[in-house]
Amino acid sequence: FDAKALGKLRSVTVGALPDMLTFTP
């Protein structure tokens, strides 16, 4: 999502039951 306008940008497929995510520094 766009952090300013909060609009959805895109979805990508990952593995089963994504439990946690983080940006790299």
mmCIF file of all heavy atoms, coordinates in Angstrom:
data_MODEL
# 
_entry.id   MODEL 
# 
loop_
_atom_site.group_PDB 
_atom_site.id 
_atom_site.type_symbol 
_atom_site.label_atom_id 
_atom_site.label_alt_id 
_atom_site.label_comp_id 
_atom_site.label_asym_id 
_atom_site.label_entity_id 
_atom_site.label_seq_id 
_atom_site.pdbx_PDB_ins_code 
_atom_site.Cartn_x 
_atom_site.Cartn_y 
_atom_site.Cartn_z 
_atom_site.occupancy 
_atom_site.B_iso_or_equiv 
_atom_site.pdbx_formal_charge 
_atom_site.auth_seq_id 
_atom_site.auth_comp_id 
_atom_site.auth_asym_id 
_atom_site.auth_atom_id 
_atom_site.pdbx_PDB_model_num 
ATOM 1   N N   . PHE A 1 1  ? 0.849  -1.187  0.000  1.00 0.00 ? 1  PHE A N   1 
ATOM 2   C CA  . PHE A 1 1  ? 0.000  0.000   0.000  1.00 0.00 ? 1  PHE A CA  1 
ATOM 3   C C   . PHE A 1 1  ? 0.890  1.244   0.000  1.00 0.00 ? 1  PHE A C   1 
ATOM 4   O O   . PHE A 1 1  ? 2.019  1.214   0.499  1.00 0.00 ? 1  PHE A O   1 
ATOM 5   C CB  . PHE A 1 1  ? -0.909 0.031   1.232  1.00 0.00 ? 1  PHE A CB  1 
ATOM 6   C CG  . PHE A 1 1  ? -1.913 -1.078  1.304  1.00 0.00 ? 1  PHE A CG  1 
ATOM 7   C CD1 . PHE A 1 1  ? -1.568 -2.327  1.829  1.00 0.00 ? 1  PHE A CD1 1 
ATOM 8   C CD2 . PHE A 1 1  ? -3.216 -0.875  0.865  1.00 0.00 ? 1  PHE A CD2 1 
ATOM 9   C CE1 . PHE A 1 1  ? -2.505 -3.347  1.903  1.00 0.00 ? 1  PHE A CE1 1 
ATOM 10  C CE2 . PHE A 1 1  ? -4.165 -1.898  0.940  1.00 0.00 ? 1  PHE A CE2 1 
ATOM 11  C CZ  . PHE A 1 1  ? -3.803 -3.131  1.464  1.00 0.00 ? 1  PHE A CZ  1 
ATOM 12  N N   . ASP A 1 2  ? 0.337  2.328   -0.524 1.00 0.00 ? 2  ASP A N   1 
ATOM 13  C CA  . ASP A 1 2  ? 1.012  3.616   -0.461 1.00 0.00 ? 2  ASP A CA  1 
ATOM 14  C C   . ASP A 1 2  ? 0.831  4.191   0.940  1.00 0.00 ? 2  ASP A C   1 
ATOM 15  O O   . ASP A 1 2  ? -0.296 4.338   1.417  1.00 0.00 ? 2  ASP A O   1 
ATOM 16  C CB  . ASP A 1 2  ? 0.430  4.565   -1.507 1.00 0.00 ? 2  ASP A CB  1 
ATOM 17  C CG  . ASP A 1 2  ? 1.057  5.934   -1.440 1.00 0.00 ? 2  ASP A CG  1 
ATOM 18  O OD1 . ASP A 1 2  ? 2.126  6.125   -2.027 1.00 0.00 ? 2  ASP A OD1 1 
ATOM 19  O OD2 . ASP A 1 2  ? 0.472  6.814   -0.772 1.00 0.00 ? 2  ASP A OD2 1 
ATOM 20  N N   . ALA A 1 3  ? 1.921  4.538   1.605  1.00 0.00 ? 3  ALA A N   1 
ATOM 21  C CA  . ALA A 1 3  ? 1.842  4.989   2.994  1.00 0.00 ? 3  ALA A CA  1 
ATOM 22  C C   . ALA A 1 3  ? 1.173  6.345   3.132  1.00 0.00 ? 3  ALA A C   1 
ATOM 23  O O   . ALA A 1 3  ? 0.637  6.666   4.195  1.00 0.00 ? 3  ALA A O   1 
ATOM 24  C CB  . ALA A 1 3  ? 3.242  5.035   3.611  1.00 0.00 ? 3  ALA A CB  1 
ATOM 25  N N   . LYS A 1 4  ? 1.186  7.153   2.083  1.00 0.00 ? 4  LYS A N   1 
ATOM 26  C CA  . LYS A 1 4  ? 0.584  8.480   2.167  1.00 0.00 ? 4  LYS A CA  1 
ATOM 27  C C   . LYS A 1 4  ? -0.917 8.424   1.899  1.00 0.00 ? 4  LYS A C   1 
ATOM 28  O O   . LYS A 1 4  ? -1.726 8.823   2.736  1.00 0.00 ? 4  LYS A O   1 
ATOM 29  C CB  . LYS A 1 4  ? 1.260  9.426   1.180  1.00 0.00 ? 4  LYS A CB  1 
ATOM 30  C CG  . LYS A 1 4  ? 0.724  10.850  1.235  1.00 0.00 ? 4  LYS A CG  1 
ATOM 31  C CD  . LYS A 1 4  ? 1.465  11.758  0.265  1.00 0.00 ? 4  LYS A CD  1 
ATOM 32  C CE  . LYS A 1 4  ? 0.934  13.188  0.327  1.00 0.00 ? 4  LYS A CE  1 
ATOM 33  N NZ  . LYS A 1 4  ? 1.652  14.092  -0.615 1.00 0.00 ? 4  LYS A NZ  1 
ATOM 34  N N   . ALA A 1 5  ? -1.288 7.909   0.734  1.00 0.00 ? 5  ALA A N   1 
ATOM 35  C CA  . ALA A 1 5  ? -2.701 7.886   0.342  1.00 0.00 ? 5  ALA A CA  1 
ATOM 36  C C   . ALA A 1 5  ? -3.418 6.629   0.805  1.00 0.00 ? 5  ALA A C   1 
ATOM 37  O O   . ALA A 1 5  ? -4.648 6.553   0.747  1.00 0.00 ? 5  ALA A O   1 
ATOM 38  C CB  . ALA A 1 5  ? -2.812 8.016   -1.174 1.00 0.00 ? 5  ALA A CB  1 
ATOM 39  N N   . LEU A 1 6  ? -2.656 5.619   1.242  1.00 0.00 ? 6  LEU A N   1 
ATOM 40  C CA  . LEU A 1 6  ? -3.197 4.346   1.744  1.00 0.00 ? 6  LEU A CA  1 
ATOM 41  C C   . LEU A 1 6  ? -3.856 3.513   0.656  1.00 0.00 ? 6  LEU A C   1 
ATOM 42  O O   . LEU A 1 6  ? -4.616 2.587   0.947  1.00 0.00 ? 6  LEU A O   1 
ATOM 43  C CB  . LEU A 1 6  ? -4.176 4.579   2.901  1.00 0.00 ? 6  LEU A CB  1 
ATOM 44  C CG  . LEU A 1 6  ? -3.609 5.348   4.102  1.00 0.00 ? 6  LEU A CG  1 
ATOM 45  C CD1 . LEU A 1 6  ? -4.694 5.534   5.172  1.00 0.00 ? 6  LEU A CD1 1 
ATOM 46  C CD2 . LEU A 1 6  ? -2.413 4.615   4.701  1.00 0.00 ? 6  LEU A CD2 1 
ATOM 47  N N   . GLY A 1 7  ? -3.580 3.831   -0.598 1.00 0.00 ? 7  GLY A N   1 
ATOM 48  C CA  . GLY A 1 7  ? -4.140 3.043   -1.693 1.00 0.00 ? 7  GLY A CA  1 
ATOM 49  C C   . GLY A 1 7  ? -3.355 1.767   -1.937 1.00 0.00 ? 7  GLY A C   1 
ATOM 50  O O   . GLY A 1 7  ? -2.140 1.702   -1.723 1.00 0.00 ? 7  GLY A O   1 
ATOM 51  N N   . LYS A 1 8  ? -4.059 0.727   -2.401 1.00 0.00 ? 8  LYS A N   1 
ATOM 52  C CA  . LYS A 1 8  ? -3.416 -0.546  -2.704 1.00 0.00 ? 8  LYS A CA  1 
ATOM 53  C C   . LYS A 1 8  ? -2.593 -0.415  -3.982 1.00 0.00 ? 8  LYS A C   1 
ATOM 54  O O   . LYS A 1 8  ? -3.049 0.146   -4.980 1.00 0.00 ? 8  LYS A O   1 
ATOM 55  C CB  . LYS A 1 8  ? -4.474 -1.638  -2.863 1.00 0.00 ? 8  LYS A CB  1 
ATOM 56  C CG  . LYS A 1 8  ? -3.908 -3.022  -3.169 1.00 0.00 ? 8  LYS A CG  1 
ATOM 57  C CD  . LYS A 1 8  ? -5.019 -4.057  -3.270 1.00 0.00 ? 8  LYS A CD  1 
ATOM 58  C CE  . LYS A 1 8  ? -4.472 -5.425  -3.649 1.00 0.00 ? 8  LYS A CE  1 
ATOM 59  N NZ  . LYS A 1 8  ? -5.538 -6.459  -3.725 1.00 0.00 ? 8  LYS A NZ  1 
ATOM 60  N N   . LEU A 1 9  ? -1.365 -0.944  -3.942 1.00 0.00 ? 9  LEU A N   1 
ATOM 61  C CA  . LEU A 1 9  ? -0.477 -0.863  -5.094 1.00 0.00 ? 9  LEU A CA  1 
ATOM 62  C C   . LEU A 1 9  ? -0.377 -2.176  -5.850 1.00 0.00 ? 9  LEU A C   1 
ATOM 63  O O   . LEU A 1 9  ? -0.562 -2.214  -7.058 1.00 0.00 ? 9  LEU A O   1 
ATOM 64  C CB  . LEU A 1 9  ? 0.923  -0.429  -4.636 1.00 0.00 ? 9  LEU A CB  1 
ATOM 65  C CG  . LEU A 1 9  ? 1.007  0.941   -3.933 1.00 0.00 ? 9  LEU A CG  1 
ATOM 66  C CD1 . LEU A 1 9  ? 2.418  1.182   -3.415 1.00 0.00 ? 9  LEU A CD1 1 
ATOM 67  C CD2 . LEU A 1 9  ? 0.584  2.044   -4.892 1.00 0.00 ? 9  LEU A CD2 1 
ATOM 68  N N   . ARG A 1 10 ? -0.114 -3.259  -5.123 1.00 0.00 ? 10 ARG A N   1 
ATOM 69  C CA  . ARG A 1 10 ? 0.091  -4.546  -5.797 1.00 0.00 ? 10 ARG A CA  1 
ATOM 70  C C   . ARG A 1 10 ? 0.183  -5.657  -4.774 1.00 0.00 ? 10 ARG A C   1 
ATOM 71  O O   . ARG A 1 10 ? 0.582  -5.429  -3.626 1.00 0.00 ? 10 ARG A O   1 
ATOM 72  C CB  . ARG A 1 10 ? 1.389  -4.505  -6.619 1.00 0.00 ? 10 ARG A CB  1 
ATOM 73  C CG  . ARG A 1 10 ? 1.632  -5.759  -7.459 1.00 0.00 ? 10 ARG A CG  1 
ATOM 74  C CD  . ARG A 1 10 ? 3.012  -5.778  -8.062 1.00 0.00 ? 10 ARG A CD  1 
ATOM 75  N NE  . ARG A 1 10 ? 3.253  -7.044  -8.742 1.00 0.00 ? 10 ARG A NE  1 
ATOM 76  C CZ  . ARG A 1 10 ? 4.443  -7.473  -9.147 1.00 0.00 ? 10 ARG A CZ  1 
ATOM 77  N NH1 . ARG A 1 10 ? 5.517  -6.739  -8.924 1.00 0.00 ? 10 ARG A NH1 1 
ATOM 78  N NH2 . ARG A 1 10 ? 4.573  -8.630  -9.758 1.00 0.00 ? 10 ARG A NH2 1 
ATOM 79  N N   . SER A 1 11 ? -0.174 -6.874  -5.183 1.00 0.00 ? 11 SER A N   1 
ATOM 80  C CA  . SER A 1 11 ? 0.029  -8.062  -4.356 1.00 0.00 ? 11 SER A CA  1 
ATOM 81  C C   . SER A 1 11 ? 0.946  -9.031  -5.077 1.00 0.00 ? 11 SER A C   1 
ATOM 82  O O   . SER A 1 11 ? 0.907  -9.145  -6.306 1.00 0.00 ? 11 SER A O   1 
ATOM 83  C CB  . SER A 1 11 ? -1.308 -8.764  -4.059 1.00 0.00 ? 11 SER A CB  1 
ATOM 84  O OG  . SER A 1 11 ? -2.108 -8.007  -3.194 1.00 0.00 ? 11 SER A OG  1 
ATOM 85  N N   . VAL A 1 12 ? 1.783  -9.723  -4.301 1.00 0.00 ? 12 VAL A N   1 
ATOM 86  C CA  . VAL A 1 12 ? 2.640  -10.770 -4.860 1.00 0.00 ? 12 VAL A CA  1 
ATOM 87  C C   . VAL A 1 12 ? 2.419  -12.049 -4.060 1.00 0.00 ? 12 VAL A C   1 
ATOM 88  O O   . VAL A 1 12 ? 2.045  -12.011 -2.889 1.00 0.00 ? 12 VAL A O   1 
ATOM 89  C CB  . VAL A 1 12 ? 4.133  -10.374 -4.819 1.00 0.00 ? 12 VAL A CB  1 
ATOM 90  C CG1 . VAL A 1 12 ? 4.381  -9.140  -5.669 1.00 0.00 ? 12 VAL A CG1 1 
ATOM 91  C CG2 . VAL A 1 12 ? 4.613  -10.139 -3.386 1.00 0.00 ? 12 VAL A CG2 1 
ATOM 92  N N   . THR A 1 13 ? 2.642  -13.178 -4.694 1.00 0.00 ? 13 THR A N   1 
ATOM 93  C CA  . THR A 1 13 ? 2.435  -14.479 -4.057 1.00 0.00 ? 13 THR A CA  1 
ATOM 94  C C   . THR A 1 13 ? 3.691  -14.920 -3.322 1.00 0.00 ? 13 THR A C   1 
ATOM 95  O O   . THR A 1 13 ? 4.811  -14.795 -3.835 1.00 0.00 ? 13 THR A O   1 
ATOM 96  C CB  . THR A 1 13 ? 2.058  -15.535 -5.111 1.00 0.00 ? 13 THR A CB  1 
ATOM 97  O OG1 . THR A 1 13 ? 0.852  -15.121 -5.780 1.00 0.00 ? 13 THR A OG1 1 
ATOM 98  C CG2 . THR A 1 13 ? 1.820  -16.888 -4.467 1.00 0.00 ? 13 THR A CG2 1 
ATOM 99  N N   . VAL A 1 14 ? 3.490  -15.433 -2.095 1.00 0.00 ? 14 VAL A N   1 
ATOM 100 C CA  . VAL A 1 14 ? 4.597  -15.961 -1.298 1.00 0.00 ? 14 VAL A CA  1 
ATOM 101 C C   . VAL A 1 14 ? 4.238  -17.371 -0.845 1.00 0.00 ? 14 VAL A C   1 
ATOM 102 O O   . VAL A 1 14 ? 3.348  -18.000 -1.399 1.00 0.00 ? 14 VAL A O   1 
ATOM 103 C CB  . VAL A 1 14 ? 4.907  -15.025 -0.102 1.00 0.00 ? 14 VAL A CB  1 
ATOM 104 C CG1 . VAL A 1 14 ? 5.458  -13.693 -0.597 1.00 0.00 ? 14 VAL A CG1 1 
ATOM 105 C CG2 . VAL A 1 14 ? 3.685  -14.808 0.772  1.00 0.00 ? 14 VAL A CG2 1 
ATOM 106 N N   . GLY A 1 15 ? 4.898  -17.874 0.178  1.00 0.00 ? 15 GLY A N   1 
ATOM 107 C CA  . GLY A 1 15 ? 4.659  -19.233 0.638  1.00 0.00 ? 15 GLY A CA  1 
ATOM 108 C C   . GLY A 1 15 ? 3.427  -19.367 1.507  1.00 0.00 ? 15 GLY A C   1 
ATOM 109 O O   . GLY A 1 15 ? 2.685  -18.408 1.747  1.00 0.00 ? 15 GLY A O   1 
ATOM 110 N N   . ALA A 1 16 ? 3.222  -20.585 2.013  1.00 0.00 ? 16 ALA A N   1 
ATOM 111 C CA  . ALA A 1 16 ? 2.036  -20.883 2.816  1.00 0.00 ? 16 ALA A CA  1 
ATOM 112 C C   . ALA A 1 16 ? 2.140  -20.269 4.204  1.00 0.00 ? 16 ALA A C   1 
ATOM 113 O O   . ALA A 1 16 ? 3.183  -20.336 4.847  1.00 0.00 ? 16 ALA A O   1 
ATOM 114 C CB  . ALA A 1 16 ? 1.857  -22.398 2.930  1.00 0.00 ? 16 ALA A CB  1 
ATOM 115 N N   . LEU A 1 17 ? 1.063  -19.670 4.649  1.00 0.00 ? 17 LEU A N   1 
ATOM 116 C CA  . LEU A 1 17 ? 0.930  -19.060 5.967  1.00 0.00 ? 17 LEU A CA  1 
ATOM 117 C C   . LEU A 1 17 ? 2.067  -18.081 6.262  1.00 0.00 ? 17 LEU A C   1 
ATOM 118 O O   . LEU A 1 17 ? 2.877  -18.288 7.159  1.00 0.00 ? 17 LEU A O   1 
ATOM 119 C CB  . LEU A 1 17 ? 0.859  -20.126 7.064  1.00 0.00 ? 17 LEU A CB  1 
ATOM 120 C CG  . LEU A 1 17 ? 0.447  -19.609 8.459  1.00 0.00 ? 17 LEU A CG  1 
ATOM 121 C CD1 . LEU A 1 17 ? -0.911 -18.952 8.435  1.00 0.00 ? 17 LEU A CD1 1 
ATOM 122 C CD2 . LEU A 1 17 ? 0.480  -20.735 9.472  1.00 0.00 ? 17 LEU A CD2 1 
ATOM 123 N N   . PRO A 1 18 ? 2.127  -16.972 5.506  1.00 0.00 ? 18 PRO A N   1 
ATOM 124 C CA  . PRO A 1 18 ? 3.116  -15.940 5.837  1.00 0.00 ? 18 PRO A CA  1 
ATOM 125 C C   . PRO A 1 18 ? 2.804  -15.346 7.201  1.00 0.00 ? 18 PRO A C   1 
ATOM 126 O O   . PRO A 1 18 ? 1.796  -14.680 7.388  1.00 0.00 ? 18 PRO A O   1 
ATOM 127 C CB  . PRO A 1 18 ? 2.936  -14.911 4.711  1.00 0.00 ? 18 PRO A CB  1 
ATOM 128 C CG  . PRO A 1 18 ? 1.535  -15.122 4.216  1.00 0.00 ? 18 PRO A CG  1 
ATOM 129 C CD  . PRO A 1 18 ? 1.267  -16.586 4.382  1.00 0.00 ? 18 PRO A CD  1 
ATOM 130 N N   . ASP A 1 19 ? 3.686  -15.611 8.162  1.00 0.00 ? 19 ASP A N   1 
ATOM 131 C CA  . ASP A 1 19 ? 3.384  -15.287 9.559  1.00 0.00 ? 19 ASP A CA  1 
ATOM 132 C C   . ASP A 1 19 ? 3.967  -13.938 9.974  1.00 0.00 ? 19 ASP A C   1 
ATOM 133 O O   . ASP A 1 19 ? 3.423  -13.250 10.799 1.00 0.00 ? 19 ASP A O   1 
ATOM 134 C CB  . ASP A 1 19 ? 3.950  -16.387 10.461 1.00 0.00 ? 19 ASP A CB  1 
ATOM 135 C CG  . ASP A 1 19 ? 3.546  -16.219 11.909 1.00 0.00 ? 19 ASP A CG  1 
ATOM 136 O OD1 . ASP A 1 19 ? 2.352  -15.992 12.165 1.00 0.00 ? 19 ASP A OD1 1 
ATOM 137 O OD2 . ASP A 1 19 ? 4.407  -16.299 12.789 1.00 0.00 ? 19 ASP A OD2 1 
ATOM 138 N N   . MET A 1 20 ? 5.091  -13.562 9.387  1.00 0.00 ? 20 MET A N   1 
ATOM 139 C CA  . MET A 1 20 ? 5.758  -12.321 9.775  1.00 0.00 ? 20 MET A CA  1 
ATOM 140 C C   . MET A 1 20 ? 6.526  -11.800 8.580  1.00 0.00 ? 20 MET A C   1 
ATOM 141 O O   . MET A 1 20 ? 7.047  -12.575 7.771  1.00 0.00 ? 20 MET A O   1 
ATOM 142 C CB  . MET A 1 20 ? 6.704  -12.594 10.949 1.00 0.00 ? 20 MET A CB  1 
ATOM 143 C CG  . MET A 1 20 ? 7.460  -11.377 11.478 1.00 0.00 ? 20 MET A CG  1 
ATOM 144 S SD  . MET A 1 20 ? 9.053  -11.151 10.652 1.00 0.00 ? 20 MET A SD  1 
ATOM 145 C CE  . MET A 1 20 ? 9.625  -9.667  11.482 1.00 0.00 ? 20 MET A CE  1 
ATOM 146 N N   . LEU A 1 21 ? 6.585  -10.478 8.451  1.00 0.00 ? 21 LEU A N   1 
ATOM 147 C CA  . LEU A 1 21 ? 7.401  -9.901  7.395  1.00 0.00 ? 21 LEU A CA  1 
ATOM 148 C C   . LEU A 1 21 ? 8.107  -8.659  7.895  1.00 0.00 ? 21 LEU A C   1 
ATOM 149 O O   . LEU A 1 21 ? 7.669  -8.024  8.857  1.00 0.00 ? 21 LEU A O   1 
ATOM 150 C CB  . LEU A 1 21 ? 6.583  -9.602  6.141  1.00 0.00 ? 21 LEU A CB  1 
ATOM 151 C CG  . LEU A 1 21 ? 5.839  -8.273  5.979  1.00 0.00 ? 21 LEU A CG  1 
ATOM 152 C CD1 . LEU A 1 21 ? 5.222  -8.184  4.584  1.00 0.00 ? 21 LEU A CD1 1 
ATOM 153 C CD2 . LEU A 1 21 ? 4.770  -8.061  7.031  1.00 0.00 ? 21 LEU A CD2 1 
ATOM 154 N N   . THR A 1 22 ? 9.208  -8.322  7.241  1.00 0.00 ? 22 THR A N   1 
ATOM 155 C CA  . THR A 1 22 ? 9.990  -7.152  7.638  1.00 0.00 ? 22 THR A CA  1 
ATOM 156 C C   . THR A 1 22 ? 10.753 -6.613  6.440  1.00 0.00 ? 22 THR A C   1 
ATOM 157 O O   . THR A 1 22 ? 11.164 -7.376  5.558  1.00 0.00 ? 22 THR A O   1 
ATOM 158 C CB  . THR A 1 22 ? 10.972 -7.509  8.776  1.00 0.00 ? 22 THR A CB  1 
ATOM 159 O OG1 . THR A 1 22 ? 11.627 -6.328  9.227  1.00 0.00 ? 22 THR A OG1 1 
ATOM 160 C CG2 . THR A 1 22 ? 12.020 -8.515  8.330  1.00 0.00 ? 22 THR A CG2 1 
ATOM 161 N N   . PHE A 1 23 ? 10.929 -5.298  6.393  1.00 0.00 ? 23 PHE A N   1 
ATOM 162 C CA  . PHE A 1 23 ? 11.817 -4.695  5.410  1.00 0.00 ? 23 PHE A CA  1 
ATOM 163 C C   . PHE A 1 23 ? 13.257 -4.867  5.876  1.00 0.00 ? 23 PHE A C   1 
ATOM 164 O O   . PHE A 1 23 ? 13.539 -4.869  7.083  1.00 0.00 ? 23 PHE A O   1 
ATOM 165 C CB  . PHE A 1 23 ? 11.526 -3.199  5.269  1.00 0.00 ? 23 PHE A CB  1 
ATOM 166 C CG  . PHE A 1 23 ? 10.290 -2.873  4.469  1.00 0.00 ? 23 PHE A CG  1 
ATOM 167 C CD1 . PHE A 1 23 ? 9.049  -2.791  5.087  1.00 0.00 ? 23 PHE A CD1 1 
ATOM 168 C CD2 . PHE A 1 23 ? 10.369 -2.629  3.108  1.00 0.00 ? 23 PHE A CD2 1 
ATOM 169 C CE1 . PHE A 1 23 ? 7.904  -2.479  4.366  1.00 0.00 ? 23 PHE A CE1 1 
ATOM 170 C CE2 . PHE A 1 23 ? 9.233  -2.311  2.371  1.00 0.00 ? 23 PHE A CE2 1 
ATOM 171 C CZ  . PHE A 1 23 ? 7.993  -2.239  2.996  1.00 0.00 ? 23 PHE A CZ  1 
ATOM 172 N N   . THR A 1 24 ? 14.182 -4.989  4.948  1.00 0.00 ? 24 THR A N   1 
ATOM 173 C CA  . THR A 1 24 ? 15.592 -4.915  5.300  1.00 0.00 ? 24 THR A CA  1 
ATOM 174 C C   . THR A 1 24 ? 15.902 -3.467  5.674  1.00 0.00 ? 24 THR A C   1 
ATOM 175 O O   . THR A 1 24 ? 15.182 -2.549  5.270  1.00 0.00 ? 24 THR A O   1 
ATOM 176 C CB  . THR A 1 24 ? 16.476 -5.347  4.124  1.00 0.00 ? 24 THR A CB  1 
ATOM 177 O OG1 . THR A 1 24 ? 16.194 -4.512  2.990  1.00 0.00 ? 24 THR A OG1 1 
ATOM 178 C CG2 . THR A 1 24 ? 16.235 -6.802  3.757  1.00 0.00 ? 24 THR A CG2 1 
ATOM 179 N N   . PRO A 1 25 ? 16.970 -3.219  6.456  1.00 0.00 ? 25 PRO A N   1 
ATOM 180 C CA  . PRO A 1 25 ? 17.306 -1.835  6.819  1.00 0.00 ? 25 PRO A CA  1 
ATOM 181 C C   . PRO A 1 25 ? 17.481 -0.923  5.606  1.00 0.00 ? 25 PRO A C   1 
ATOM 182 O O   . PRO A 1 25 ? 17.169 0.276   5.680  1.00 0.00 ? 25 PRO A O   1 
ATOM 183 C CB  . PRO A 1 25 ? 18.619 -2.002  7.595  1.00 0.00 ? 25 PRO A CB  1 
ATOM 184 C CG  . PRO A 1 25 ? 18.518 -3.352  8.204  1.00 0.00 ? 25 PRO A CG  1 
ATOM 185 C CD  . PRO A 1 25 ? 17.820 -4.194  7.171  1.00 0.00 ? 25 PRO A CD  1 
# 
